[in-house]
């Protein structure tokens, strides 16, 4: 990273920290991305609807007051701020709050729906059978899990793996937005219908959204199927493979962080 790029990165994180402190909307930053010549991103998504929570709901406090902040340190500070969160009733029955894990400098960030049984027990996003499939999916396009960052829309497991309620999404939404702001990946992948609807503020189903390039605050986003869904319906693996190949092509055009 050049001196000017490092300066711009420090300014970006400073502005974000100030926005979190004052509970202001995310500042408009220079987030130009390169898209394939024949394609352009969809119009910027509106704020998420009440069904899946507002983008400004439950905005977290600032990660730090200094510009000289490292992304890994910022994520640790954010996790400390969440603490033993009990905003939702489902927190009472959780074993672990599943914050997310991976490279703070990831070019690709994967956002799922919420923790399942194994995630709740282990405190790791995307583990168990669906996590094993995700690892294989990433390996198929030349990526290891520790090269990407993986998180969920909500941090606690809903009872019986039901879809998150609107208030649960709203309570967690600020934390997810902060994670994305800190990592600032070159590409986002939403896994499953809930993640796509939450990030894009739409009600379109994943069968129509998957593989179609979207835009999340200047970051290109490709929706695809959740690995757990692929385990239930293997016939969709062919479609998911096309999505992965598209993600691989987009990543080849994104420089390392």
C-alpha atoms as a PDB file:
ATOM      1  CA  UNK A   1       0.000   0.000   0.000  1.00  0.00           C
ATOM      2  CA  UNK A   2       1.394   3.415  -0.998  1.00  0.00           C
ATOM      3  CA  UNK A   3       1.664   6.343   1.414  1.00  0.00           C
ATOM      4  CA  UNK A   4      -1.345   8.076  -0.157  1.00  0.00           C
ATOM      5  CA  UNK A   5      -3.406   4.896  -0.021  1.00  0.00           C
ATOM      6  CA  UNK A   6      -2.480   4.381   3.637  1.00  0.00           C
ATOM      7  CA  UNK A   7      -3.466   7.978   4.388  1.00  0.00           C
ATOM      8  CA  UNK A   8      -6.824   7.523   2.639  1.00  0.00           C
ATOM      9  CA  UNK A   9      -7.443   4.293   4.563  1.00  0.00           C
ATOM     10  CA  UNK A  10      -6.744   5.998   7.890  1.00  0.00           C
ATOM     11  CA  UNK A  11      -9.063   8.869   6.941  1.00  0.00           C
ATOM     12  CA  UNK A  12     -11.805   6.406   5.996  1.00  0.00           C
ATOM     13  CA  UNK A  13     -11.650   4.591   9.330  1.00  0.00           C
ATOM     14  CA  UNK A  14     -11.558   7.911  11.204  1.00  0.00           C
ATOM     15  CA  UNK A  15     -14.733   9.083   9.456  1.00  0.00           C
ATOM     16  CA  UNK A  16     -16.464   5.803  10.211  1.00  0.00           C
ATOM     17  CA  UNK A  17     -15.475   5.980  13.868  1.00  0.00           C
ATOM     18  CA  UNK A  18     -16.813   9.524  14.090  1.00  0.00           C
ATOM     19  CA  UNK A  19     -20.089   8.425  12.473  1.00  0.00           C
ATOM     20  CA  UNK A  20     -20.502   5.617  14.998  1.00  0.00           C
ATOM     21  CA  UNK A  21     -19.737   8.019  17.868  1.00  0.00           C
ATOM     22  CA  UNK A  22     -22.389  10.508  16.773  1.00  0.00           C
ATOM     23  CA  UNK A  23     -24.805   7.797  15.540  1.00  0.00           C
ATOM     24  CA  UNK A  24     -24.815   9.441  12.113  1.00  0.00           C
ATOM     25  CA  UNK A  25     -25.447   7.665   8.801  1.00  0.00           C
ATOM     26  CA  UNK A  26     -22.429   6.007   7.181  1.00  0.00           C
ATOM     27  CA  UNK A  27     -20.333   8.753   5.544  1.00  0.00           C
ATOM     28  CA  UNK A  28     -20.135   8.774   1.766  1.00  0.00           C
ATOM     29  CA  UNK A  29     -16.678   7.565   0.842  1.00  0.00           C
ATOM     30  CA  UNK A  30     -14.845   6.977  -2.402  1.00  0.00           C
ATOM     31  CA  UNK A  31     -15.691   3.340  -3.053  1.00  0.00           C
ATOM     32  CA  UNK A  32     -15.147   2.978  -6.779  1.00  0.00           C
ATOM     33  CA  UNK A  33     -15.010  -0.630  -7.913  1.00  0.00           C
ATOM     34  CA  UNK A  34     -14.075  -2.258 -11.186  1.00  0.00           C
ATOM     35  CA  UNK A  35     -16.813  -4.294 -12.828  1.00  0.00           C
ATOM     36  CA  UNK A  36     -16.669  -6.529 -15.896  1.00  0.00           C
ATOM     37  CA  UNK A  37     -16.857  -4.370 -19.071  1.00  0.00           C
ATOM     38  CA  UNK A  38     -20.244  -5.765 -20.059  1.00  0.00           C
ATOM     39  CA  UNK A  39     -21.827  -5.291 -16.660  1.00  0.00           C
ATOM     40  CA  UNK A  40     -22.627  -2.506 -14.259  1.00  0.00           C
ATOM     41  CA  UNK A  41     -23.788  -2.683 -10.663  1.00  0.00           C
ATOM     42  CA  UNK A  42     -27.439  -2.453  -9.803  1.00  0.00           C
ATOM     43  CA  UNK A  43     -28.545   0.902  -8.364  1.00  0.00           C
ATOM     44  CA  UNK A  44     -27.515   1.407  -4.764  1.00  0.00           C
ATOM     45  CA  UNK A  45     -29.800  -0.596  -2.536  1.00  0.00           C
ATOM     46  CA  UNK A  46     -32.253   1.332  -0.369  1.00  0.00           C
ATOM     47  CA  UNK A  47     -32.136   1.046   3.382  1.00  0.00           C
ATOM     48  CA  UNK A  48     -33.369  -2.346   4.521  1.00  0.00           C
ATOM     49  CA  UNK A  49     -37.107  -2.551   5.024  1.00  0.00           C
ATOM     50  CA  UNK A  50     -38.743  -3.051   8.390  1.00  0.00           C
ATOM     51  CA  UNK A  51     -39.040  -6.752   7.625  1.00  0.00           C
ATOM     52  CA  UNK A  52     -35.304  -7.226   7.899  1.00  0.00           C
ATOM     53  CA  UNK A  53     -34.250  -4.195   9.916  1.00  0.00           C
ATOM     54  CA  UNK A  54     -32.982  -0.733   9.113  1.00  0.00           C
ATOM     55  CA  UNK A  55     -29.381  -0.153   8.118  1.00  0.00           C
ATOM     56  CA  UNK A  56     -29.130   2.406  10.922  1.00  0.00           C
ATOM     57  CA  UNK A  57     -30.756   0.243  13.602  1.00  0.00           C
ATOM     58  CA  UNK A  58     -28.813  -0.216  16.814  1.00  0.00           C
ATOM     59  CA  UNK A  59     -25.749   1.580  15.502  1.00  0.00           C
ATOM     60  CA  UNK A  60     -22.699   0.581  17.525  1.00  0.00           C
ATOM     61  CA  UNK A  61     -20.536   3.019  19.415  1.00  0.00           C
ATOM     62  CA  UNK A  62     -17.202   4.000  17.818  1.00  0.00           C
ATOM     63  CA  UNK A  63     -14.440   1.442  17.632  1.00  0.00           C
ATOM     64  CA  UNK A  64     -11.775   3.990  18.505  1.00  0.00           C
ATOM     65  CA  UNK A  65     -10.982   7.700  18.499  1.00  0.00           C
ATOM     66  CA  UNK A  66      -7.664   7.454  16.668  1.00  0.00           C
ATOM     67  CA  UNK A  67      -6.956   7.312  12.961  1.00  0.00           C
ATOM     68  CA  UNK A  68      -4.039   4.926  13.460  1.00  0.00           C
ATOM     69  CA  UNK A  69      -6.281   1.905  13.859  1.00  0.00           C
ATOM     70  CA  UNK A  70      -5.609  -1.556  12.486  1.00  0.00           C
ATOM     71  CA  UNK A  71      -8.500  -3.572  11.082  1.00  0.00           C
ATOM     72  CA  UNK A  72      -7.769  -6.551  13.303  1.00  0.00           C
ATOM     73  CA  UNK A  73      -7.657  -4.304  16.365  1.00  0.00           C
ATOM     74  CA  UNK A  74     -10.866  -2.613  15.257  1.00  0.00           C
ATOM     75  CA  UNK A  75     -12.646  -5.955  15.020  1.00  0.00           C
ATOM     76  CA  UNK A  76     -11.411  -6.939  18.484  1.00  0.00           C
ATOM     77  CA  UNK A  77     -12.651  -3.616  19.845  1.00  0.00           C
ATOM     78  CA  UNK A  78     -16.010  -4.114  18.168  1.00  0.00           C
ATOM     79  CA  UNK A  79     -16.329  -7.600  19.659  1.00  0.00           C
ATOM     80  CA  UNK A  80     -15.538  -6.135  23.085  1.00  0.00           C
ATOM     81  CA  UNK A  81     -18.299  -3.569  22.610  1.00  0.00           C
ATOM     82  CA  UNK A  82     -20.841  -6.271  21.846  1.00  0.00           C
ATOM     83  CA  UNK A  83     -19.820  -8.017  25.050  1.00  0.00           C
ATOM     84  CA  UNK A  84     -22.414 -10.403  26.445  1.00  0.00           C
ATOM     85  CA  UNK A  85     -25.211  -8.829  24.422  1.00  0.00           C
ATOM     86  CA  UNK A  86     -28.723  -9.550  25.674  1.00  0.00           C
ATOM     87  CA  UNK A  87     -30.814  -7.284  23.444  1.00  0.00           C
ATOM     88  CA  UNK A  88     -32.883 -10.213  22.159  1.00  0.00           C
ATOM     89  CA  UNK A  89     -34.720 -12.938  24.041  1.00  0.00           C
ATOM     90  CA  UNK A  90     -32.797 -15.584  22.090  1.00  0.00           C
ATOM     91  CA  UNK A  91     -29.624 -14.531  23.910  1.00  0.00           C
ATOM     92  CA  UNK A  92     -30.882 -16.329  27.027  1.00  0.00           C
ATOM     93  CA  UNK A  93     -30.601 -19.739  25.397  1.00  0.00           C
ATOM     94  CA  UNK A  94     -27.397 -19.344  23.424  1.00  0.00           C
ATOM     95  CA  UNK A  95     -24.189 -21.196  24.212  1.00  0.00           C
ATOM     96  CA  UNK A  96     -21.956 -18.770  22.341  1.00  0.00           C
ATOM     97  CA  UNK A  97     -22.309 -15.434  20.606  1.00  0.00           C
ATOM     98  CA  UNK A  98     -20.982 -16.033  17.081  1.00  0.00           C
ATOM     99  CA  UNK A  99     -19.177 -12.859  16.068  1.00  0.00           C
ATOM    100  CA  UNK A 100     -17.442 -14.033  12.889  1.00  0.00           C
ATOM    101  CA  UNK A 101     -13.913 -14.945  11.910  1.00  0.00           C
ATOM    102  CA  UNK A 102     -11.366 -14.812   9.122  1.00  0.00           C
ATOM    103  CA  UNK A 103      -8.914 -12.376   7.619  1.00  0.00           C
ATOM    104  CA  UNK A 104      -9.460  -8.710   8.573  1.00  0.00           C
ATOM    105  CA  UNK A 105      -7.951  -7.883   5.165  1.00  0.00           C
ATOM    106  CA  UNK A 106     -10.141 -10.291   3.185  1.00  0.00           C
ATOM    107  CA  UNK A 107     -11.027  -9.427  -0.387  1.00  0.00           C
ATOM    108  CA  UNK A 108     -14.136 -11.594  -0.030  1.00  0.00           C
ATOM    109  CA  UNK A 109     -16.572 -11.405   2.885  1.00  0.00           C
ATOM    110  CA  UNK A 110     -19.337 -13.982   3.216  1.00  0.00           C
ATOM    111  CA  UNK A 111     -22.488 -13.083   5.130  1.00  0.00           C
ATOM    112  CA  UNK A 112     -24.857 -15.839   6.195  1.00  0.00           C
ATOM    113  CA  UNK A 113     -28.151 -15.825   8.036  1.00  0.00           C
ATOM    114  CA  UNK A 114     -27.393 -16.802  11.625  1.00  0.00           C
ATOM    115  CA  UNK A 115     -25.756 -19.486  13.737  1.00  0.00           C
ATOM    116  CA  UNK A 116     -27.029 -23.048  13.604  1.00  0.00           C
ATOM    117  CA  UNK A 117     -26.635 -25.684  16.270  1.00  0.00           C
ATOM    118  CA  UNK A 118     -22.934 -26.379  15.713  1.00  0.00           C
ATOM    119  CA  UNK A 119     -22.111 -22.686  15.328  1.00  0.00           C
ATOM    120  CA  UNK A 120     -23.847 -21.984  18.604  1.00  0.00           C
ATOM    121  CA  UNK A 121     -21.951 -24.762  20.379  1.00  0.00           C
ATOM    122  CA  UNK A 122     -18.548 -23.899  18.929  1.00  0.00           C
ATOM    123  CA  UNK A 123     -18.837 -20.120  18.557  1.00  0.00           C
ATOM    124  CA  UNK A 124     -17.638 -20.330  14.937  1.00  0.00           C
ATOM    125  CA  UNK A 125     -19.588 -19.119  11.927  1.00  0.00           C
ATOM    126  CA  UNK A 126     -20.264 -21.803   9.320  1.00  0.00           C
ATOM    127  CA  UNK A 127     -19.060 -24.964  11.007  1.00  0.00           C
ATOM    128  CA  UNK A 128     -20.610 -28.426  11.053  1.00  0.00           C
ATOM    129  CA  UNK A 129     -21.874 -29.952   7.768  1.00  0.00           C
ATOM    130  CA  UNK A 130     -22.728 -26.601   6.156  1.00  0.00           C
ATOM    131  CA  UNK A 131     -19.323 -25.259   7.142  1.00  0.00           C
ATOM    132  CA  UNK A 132     -17.598 -28.268   5.634  1.00  0.00           C
ATOM    133  CA  UNK A 133     -19.460 -27.676   2.384  1.00  0.00           C
ATOM    134  CA  UNK A 134     -18.530 -23.982   2.447  1.00  0.00           C
ATOM    135  CA  UNK A 135     -14.868 -24.921   2.887  1.00  0.00           C
ATOM    136  CA  UNK A 136     -15.113 -27.173  -0.186  1.00  0.00           C
ATOM    137  CA  UNK A 137     -16.894 -24.465  -2.163  1.00  0.00           C
ATOM    138  CA  UNK A 138     -14.143 -21.972  -1.378  1.00  0.00           C
ATOM    139  CA  UNK A 139     -11.420 -24.500  -2.185  1.00  0.00           C
ATOM    140  CA  UNK A 140     -13.053 -25.073  -5.568  1.00  0.00           C
ATOM    141  CA  UNK A 141     -12.253 -21.467  -6.512  1.00  0.00           C
ATOM    142  CA  UNK A 142      -8.794 -21.503  -4.928  1.00  0.00           C
ATOM    143  CA  UNK A 143      -9.573 -19.942  -1.548  1.00  0.00           C
ATOM    144  CA  UNK A 144      -8.891 -21.123   1.982  1.00  0.00           C
ATOM    145  CA  UNK A 145     -11.269 -20.203   4.793  1.00  0.00           C
ATOM    146  CA  UNK A 146      -8.633 -18.079   6.522  1.00  0.00           C
ATOM    147  CA  UNK A 147      -8.371 -15.916   3.383  1.00  0.00           C
ATOM    148  CA  UNK A 148     -11.980 -14.726   3.611  1.00  0.00           C
ATOM    149  CA  UNK A 149     -14.046 -13.211   6.395  1.00  0.00           C
ATOM    150  CA  UNK A 150     -17.231 -14.988   7.464  1.00  0.00           C
ATOM    151  CA  UNK A 151     -20.051 -13.492   9.520  1.00  0.00           C
ATOM    152  CA  UNK A 152     -23.820 -13.703   9.915  1.00  0.00           C
ATOM    153  CA  UNK A 153     -26.720 -11.262   9.923  1.00  0.00           C
ATOM    154  CA  UNK A 154     -27.438 -12.136  13.569  1.00  0.00           C
ATOM    155  CA  UNK A 155     -24.989 -13.352  16.212  1.00  0.00           C
ATOM    156  CA  UNK A 156     -27.207 -15.733  18.232  1.00  0.00           C
ATOM    157  CA  UNK A 157     -28.971 -18.911  17.172  1.00  0.00           C
ATOM    158  CA  UNK A 158     -32.753 -18.613  16.762  1.00  0.00           C
ATOM    159  CA  UNK A 159     -34.770 -21.465  18.284  1.00  0.00           C
ATOM    160  CA  UNK A 160     -34.981 -24.504  16.007  1.00  0.00           C
ATOM    161  CA  UNK A 161     -32.999 -22.610  13.342  1.00  0.00           C
ATOM    162  CA  UNK A 162     -36.036 -20.513  12.366  1.00  0.00           C
ATOM    163  CA  UNK A 163     -35.582 -17.344  10.320  1.00  0.00           C
ATOM    164  CA  UNK A 164     -34.536 -14.336  12.407  1.00  0.00           C
ATOM    165  CA  UNK A 165     -37.340 -12.036  13.526  1.00  0.00           C
ATOM    166  CA  UNK A 166     -37.318  -8.413  12.315  1.00  0.00           C
ATOM    167  CA  UNK A 167     -36.375  -7.094  15.763  1.00  0.00           C
ATOM    168  CA  UNK A 168     -33.513  -9.595  16.042  1.00  0.00           C
ATOM    169  CA  UNK A 169     -32.116  -8.469  12.698  1.00  0.00           C
ATOM    170  CA  UNK A 170     -32.528  -4.818  13.695  1.00  0.00           C
ATOM    171  CA  UNK A 171     -30.685  -5.383  16.982  1.00  0.00           C
ATOM    172  CA  UNK A 172     -27.715  -6.979  15.217  1.00  0.00           C
ATOM    173  CA  UNK A 173     -27.690  -4.909  12.029  1.00  0.00           C
ATOM    174  CA  UNK A 174     -25.411  -2.194  13.347  1.00  0.00           C
ATOM    175  CA  UNK A 175     -22.760  -4.742  14.321  1.00  0.00           C
ATOM    176  CA  UNK A 176     -22.771  -6.337  10.860  1.00  0.00           C
ATOM    177  CA  UNK A 177     -22.541  -2.950   9.171  1.00  0.00           C
ATOM    178  CA  UNK A 178     -19.588  -2.092  11.400  1.00  0.00           C
ATOM    179  CA  UNK A 179     -17.819  -5.344  10.479  1.00  0.00           C
ATOM    180  CA  UNK A 180     -18.254  -4.602   6.783  1.00  0.00           C
ATOM    181  CA  UNK A 181     -17.077  -1.015   7.274  1.00  0.00           C
ATOM    182  CA  UNK A 182     -13.930  -2.154   9.086  1.00  0.00           C
ATOM    183  CA  UNK A 183     -12.986  -4.914   6.644  1.00  0.00           C
ATOM    184  CA  UNK A 184     -14.150  -3.073   3.527  1.00  0.00           C
ATOM    185  CA  UNK A 185     -13.904  -6.196   1.351  1.00  0.00           C
ATOM    186  CA  UNK A 186     -13.552  -5.946  -2.387  1.00  0.00           C
ATOM    187  CA  UNK A 187     -16.509  -8.283  -2.812  1.00  0.00           C
ATOM    188  CA  UNK A 188     -19.427  -9.438  -0.666  1.00  0.00           C
ATOM    189  CA  UNK A 189     -21.228 -12.752  -0.985  1.00  0.00           C
ATOM    190  CA  UNK A 190     -24.582 -13.144   0.746  1.00  0.00           C
ATOM    191  CA  UNK A 191     -25.348 -16.794   1.487  1.00  0.00           C
ATOM    192  CA  UNK A 192     -29.052 -17.483   1.549  1.00  0.00           C
ATOM    193  CA  UNK A 193     -32.261 -15.529   1.237  1.00  0.00           C
ATOM    194  CA  UNK A 194     -32.225 -13.780   4.627  1.00  0.00           C
ATOM    195  CA  UNK A 195     -28.717 -12.367   4.132  1.00  0.00           C
ATOM    196  CA  UNK A 196     -29.512 -11.103   0.625  1.00  0.00           C
ATOM    197  CA  UNK A 197     -32.788  -9.490   1.687  1.00  0.00           C
ATOM    198  CA  UNK A 198     -31.166  -7.879   4.713  1.00  0.00           C
ATOM    199  CA  UNK A 199     -28.201  -6.377   2.882  1.00  0.00           C
ATOM    200  CA  UNK A 200     -30.133  -5.293  -0.211  1.00  0.00           C
ATOM    201  CA  UNK A 201     -33.394  -4.242   1.431  1.00  0.00           C
ATOM    202  CA  UNK A 202     -35.480  -6.250  -1.022  1.00  0.00           C
ATOM    203  CA  UNK A 203     -38.041  -9.045  -0.807  1.00  0.00           C
ATOM    204  CA  UNK A 204     -36.895 -10.899  -3.922  1.00  0.00           C
ATOM    205  CA  UNK A 205     -36.154 -14.569  -3.289  1.00  0.00           C
ATOM    206  CA  UNK A 206     -32.708 -16.113  -3.592  1.00  0.00           C
ATOM    207  CA  UNK A 207     -33.731 -18.230  -6.586  1.00  0.00           C
ATOM    208  CA  UNK A 208     -34.077 -14.997  -8.567  1.00  0.00           C
ATOM    209  CA  UNK A 209     -31.270 -13.051  -6.914  1.00  0.00           C
ATOM    210  CA  UNK A 210     -28.501 -15.637  -7.000  1.00  0.00           C
ATOM    211  CA  UNK A 211     -25.616 -14.936  -9.336  1.00  0.00           C
ATOM    212  CA  UNK A 212     -26.838 -11.423 -10.185  1.00  0.00           C
ATOM    213  CA  UNK A 213     -24.354  -8.660  -9.380  1.00  0.00           C
ATOM    214  CA  UNK A 214     -25.697  -6.227  -6.775  1.00  0.00           C
ATOM    215  CA  UNK A 215     -24.346  -3.192  -4.960  1.00  0.00           C
ATOM    216  CA  UNK A 216     -24.006  -2.711  -1.203  1.00  0.00           C
ATOM    217  CA  UNK A 217     -22.846   0.856  -0.462  1.00  0.00           C
ATOM    218  CA  UNK A 218     -20.342   0.757  -3.309  1.00  0.00           C
ATOM    219  CA  UNK A 219     -19.206  -2.823  -2.690  1.00  0.00           C
ATOM    220  CA  UNK A 220     -20.173  -5.378  -5.347  1.00  0.00           C
ATOM    221  CA  UNK A 221     -22.284  -8.175  -3.894  1.00  0.00           C
ATOM    222  CA  UNK A 222     -23.124 -11.577  -5.357  1.00  0.00           C
ATOM    223  CA  UNK A 223     -25.972 -13.501  -3.682  1.00  0.00           C
ATOM    224  CA  UNK A 224     -25.839 -17.286  -3.691  1.00  0.00           C
ATOM    225  CA  UNK A 225     -27.447 -20.221  -1.933  1.00  0.00           C
ATOM    226  CA  UNK A 226     -26.689 -21.054   1.687  1.00  0.00           C
ATOM    227  CA  UNK A 227     -24.649 -24.259   2.058  1.00  0.00           C
ATOM    228  CA  UNK A 228     -27.319 -25.677   4.396  1.00  0.00           C
ATOM    229  CA  UNK A 229     -29.881 -25.244   1.611  1.00  0.00           C
ATOM    230  CA  UNK A 230     -27.578 -27.002  -0.853  1.00  0.00           C
ATOM    231  CA  UNK A 231     -27.340 -29.939   1.541  1.00  0.00           C
ATOM    232  CA  UNK A 232     -31.149 -30.145   1.571  1.00  0.00           C
ATOM    233  CA  UNK A 233     -31.473 -29.664  -2.185  1.00  0.00           C
ATOM    234  CA  UNK A 234     -28.323 -30.883  -4.011  1.00  0.00           C
ATOM    235  CA  UNK A 235     -29.949 -30.104  -7.368  1.00  0.00           C
ATOM    236  CA  UNK A 236     -29.064 -26.445  -6.763  1.00  0.00           C
ATOM    237  CA  UNK A 237     -25.337 -27.169  -6.553  1.00  0.00           C
ATOM    238  CA  UNK A 238     -24.969 -26.623 -10.292  1.00  0.00           C
ATOM    239  CA  UNK A 239     -26.405 -23.103  -9.944  1.00  0.00           C
ATOM    240  CA  UNK A 240     -24.204 -22.450  -6.909  1.00  0.00           C
ATOM    241  CA  UNK A 241     -21.146 -23.542  -8.888  1.00  0.00           C
ATOM    242  CA  UNK A 242     -21.927 -20.959 -11.572  1.00  0.00           C
ATOM    243  CA  UNK A 243     -22.213 -18.328  -8.833  1.00  0.00           C
ATOM    244  CA  UNK A 244     -18.836 -19.381  -7.443  1.00  0.00           C
ATOM    245  CA  UNK A 245     -17.202 -19.156 -10.855  1.00  0.00           C
ATOM    246  CA  UNK A 246     -18.600 -15.645 -11.220  1.00  0.00           C
ATOM    247  CA  UNK A 247     -17.231 -14.725  -7.787  1.00  0.00           C
ATOM    248  CA  UNK A 248     -13.852 -16.122  -8.801  1.00  0.00           C
ATOM    249  CA  UNK A 249     -13.845 -13.981 -11.938  1.00  0.00           C
ATOM    250  CA  UNK A 250     -14.750 -10.835 -10.015  1.00  0.00           C
ATOM    251  CA  UNK A 251     -12.054 -11.532  -7.414  1.00  0.00           C
ATOM    252  CA  UNK A 252      -9.442 -11.852 -10.160  1.00  0.00           C
ATOM    253  CA  UNK A 253     -10.078  -8.173 -10.953  1.00  0.00           C
ATOM    254  CA  UNK A 254      -9.783  -6.997  -7.348  1.00  0.00           C
ATOM    255  CA  UNK A 255      -6.286  -6.168  -6.069  1.00  0.00           C
ATOM    256  CA  UNK A 256      -5.017  -7.484  -2.760  1.00  0.00           C
ATOM    257  CA  UNK A 257      -5.754  -5.300   0.271  1.00  0.00           C
END
